[in-house]
C-alpha atoms as a PDB file:
ATOM      1  CA  MET A   1      -1.023   0.231  18.781  1.00  0.00           C
ATOM      2  CA  ASP A   2      -3.170   0.318  15.522  1.00  0.00           C
ATOM      3  CA  SER A   3      -0.431   0.741  12.678  1.00  0.00           C
ATOM      4  CA  LYS A   4      -2.044   2.375   9.607  1.00  0.00           C
ATOM      5  CA  ILE A   5      -1.505   0.667   6.265  1.00  0.00           C
ATOM      6  CA  THR A   6      -3.030   2.293   2.952  1.00  0.00           C
ATOM      7  CA  ILE A   7      -2.732   0.871  -0.061  1.00  0.00           C
ATOM      8  CA  TYR A   8      -3.454   3.583  -3.211  1.00  0.00           C
ATOM      9  CA  SER A   9      -4.468   0.758  -5.695  1.00  0.00           C
ATOM     10  CA  ALA A  10      -6.985   0.657  -9.056  1.00  0.00           C
ATOM     11  CA  ASP A  11      -8.687  -2.013 -10.414  1.00  0.00           C
ATOM     12  CA  TRP A  12      -6.748  -3.691 -12.887  1.00  0.00           C
ATOM     13  CA  CYS A  13      -3.570  -3.118 -11.324  1.00  0.00           C
ATOM     14  CA  ALA A  14      -2.513  -6.441 -10.901  1.00  0.00           C
ATOM     15  CA  PHE A  15       0.216  -6.152  -8.606  1.00  0.00           C
ATOM     16  CA  CYS A  16      -2.001  -4.115  -6.702  1.00  0.00           C
ATOM     17  CA  HIS A  17      -4.439  -7.111  -6.112  1.00  0.00           C
ATOM     18  CA  ALA A  18      -1.649  -8.810  -4.850  1.00  0.00           C
ATOM     19  CA  ALA A  19      -0.375  -6.449  -2.385  1.00  0.00           C
ATOM     20  CA  LYS A  20      -3.860  -6.586  -1.306  1.00  0.00           C
ATOM     21  CA  ASP A  21      -4.231 -10.325  -1.765  1.00  0.00           C
ATOM     22  CA  TYR A  22      -0.276 -10.653   0.612  1.00  0.00           C
ATOM     23  CA  MET A  23      -2.179  -8.463   3.052  1.00  0.00           C
ATOM     24  CA  ASP A  24      -5.088 -10.899   3.819  1.00  0.00           C
ATOM     25  CA  LYS A  25      -3.464 -13.508   3.255  1.00  0.00           C
ATOM     26  CA  LEU A  26      -0.917 -11.967   6.781  1.00  0.00           C
ATOM     27  CA  GLY A  27      -4.281 -10.689   8.786  1.00  0.00           C
ATOM     28  CA  VAL A  28      -2.825  -7.468   8.577  1.00  0.00           C
ATOM     29  CA  LYS A  29      -5.509  -4.824   8.090  1.00  0.00           C
ATOM     30  CA  TYR A  30      -5.094  -2.107   5.015  1.00  0.00           C
ATOM     31  CA  THR A  31      -7.673   1.077   3.988  1.00  0.00           C
ATOM     32  CA  GLU A  32      -7.434   1.055   0.731  1.00  0.00           C
ATOM     33  CA  LYS A  33      -7.642   4.127  -1.993  1.00  0.00           C
ATOM     34  CA  ASN A  34      -8.696   3.412  -5.547  1.00  0.00           C
ATOM     35  CA  VAL A  35      -6.610   6.333  -7.521  1.00  0.00           C
ATOM     36  CA  GLU A  36      -9.346   6.089 -10.228  1.00  0.00           C
ATOM     37  CA  GLU A  37     -12.621   6.308  -8.364  1.00  0.00           C
ATOM     38  CA  ASP A  38     -11.128   9.362  -6.979  1.00  0.00           C
ATOM     39  CA  VAL A  39      -9.059  11.123  -8.752  1.00  0.00           C
ATOM     40  CA  ALA A  40      -7.745  13.015  -5.157  1.00  0.00           C
ATOM     41  CA  PHE A  41      -6.346   9.954  -3.806  1.00  0.00           C
ATOM     42  CA  ALA A  42      -3.789   9.848  -7.174  1.00  0.00           C
ATOM     43  CA  GLN A  43      -2.820  13.189  -5.738  1.00  0.00           C
ATOM     44  CA  GLU A  44      -1.853  11.634  -2.560  1.00  0.00           C
ATOM     45  CA  ALA A  45      -0.011   8.997  -3.876  1.00  0.00           C
ATOM     46  CA  VAL A  46       2.123  10.938  -6.164  1.00  0.00           C
ATOM     47  CA  GLN A  47       2.760  13.452  -2.942  1.00  0.00           C
ATOM     48  CA  LYS A  48       3.837  10.542  -0.963  1.00  0.00           C
ATOM     49  CA  SER A  49       5.723   8.506  -3.569  1.00  0.00           C
ATOM     50  CA  GLY A  50       7.397  11.439  -5.585  1.00  0.00           C
ATOM     51  CA  GLN A  51       6.018   8.744  -8.955  1.00  0.00           C
ATOM     52  CA  THR A  52       2.731   7.524 -11.136  1.00  0.00           C
ATOM     53  CA  GLY A  53       3.371   4.118 -10.512  1.00  0.00           C
ATOM     54  CA  ILE A  54       0.775   1.816  -8.165  1.00  0.00           C
ATOM     55  CA  PRO A  55       0.728   0.496  -5.920  1.00  0.00           C
ATOM     56  CA  VAL A  56       1.846   2.617  -3.815  1.00  0.00           C
ATOM     57  CA  ILE A  57       2.293   1.271   0.265  1.00  0.00           C
ATOM     58  CA  ASP A  58       1.856   3.608   3.402  1.00  0.00           C
ATOM     59  CA  ILE A  59       2.535   1.914   5.661  1.00  0.00           C
ATOM     60  CA  ASP A  60       2.131   4.249   9.043  1.00  0.00           C
ATOM     61  CA  GLY A  61       4.610   6.579   6.244  1.00  0.00           C
ATOM     62  CA  LYS A  62       7.411   4.457   5.336  1.00  0.00           C
ATOM     63  CA  VAL A  63       6.351   4.406   2.212  1.00  0.00           C
ATOM     64  CA  ILE A  64       7.036   1.614  -0.597  1.00  0.00           C
ATOM     65  CA  ILE A  65       6.350   1.647  -3.981  1.00  0.00           C
ATOM     66  CA  GLY A  66       4.767  -1.868  -6.073  1.00  0.00           C
ATOM     67  CA  PHE A  67       4.468  -5.080  -4.983  1.00  0.00           C
ATOM     68  CA  ASP A  68       7.898  -5.272  -3.398  1.00  0.00           C
ATOM     69  CA  ARG A  69       7.138  -8.196  -0.739  1.00  0.00           C
ATOM     70  CA  PRO A  70      11.401  -8.088   0.968  1.00  0.00           C
ATOM     71  CA  LYS A  71      11.168  -4.388   1.628  1.00  0.00           C
ATOM     72  CA  ILE A  72       6.547  -5.029   2.816  1.00  0.00           C
ATOM     73  CA  ASP A  73       7.878  -7.516   5.497  1.00  0.00           C
ATOM     74  CA  THR A  74      10.739  -5.691   7.003  1.00  0.00           C
ATOM     75  CA  GLU A  75       8.423  -2.877   7.487  1.00  0.00           C
ATOM     76  CA  LEU A  76       5.792  -4.808   9.285  1.00  0.00           C
ATOM     77  CA  LYS A  77       8.159  -6.577  11.255  1.00  0.00           C
ATOM     78  CA  ALA A  78       9.561  -3.141  12.087  1.00  0.00           C
ATOM     79  CA  LYS A  79       6.250  -1.855  13.099  1.00  0.00           C
ATOM     80  CA  LYS A  80       5.820  -6.072  14.765  1.00  0.00           C
ATOM     81  CA  LEU A  81       1.929  -6.076  12.387  1.00  0.00           C
ATOM     82  CA  VAL A  82       3.286 -10.032  11.513  1.00  0.00           C
END
């Protein structure tokens, strides 16, 4: 089963880069939505998370705000992605 992971990020956001680098290191595929390039992505991120901070990481419907490695690991394991 292909799980859907989306990372809402911006080029200037260090934690966004950390989240993407972490997924790359784990070999987990994700879709990046740059909130600076498309205002619709920013609105989507706010709608999902209820706030304006990034990164917003959506792991198959489970939304994680910020680069919270323990939460990310828990969700990736729960969805059998690692």
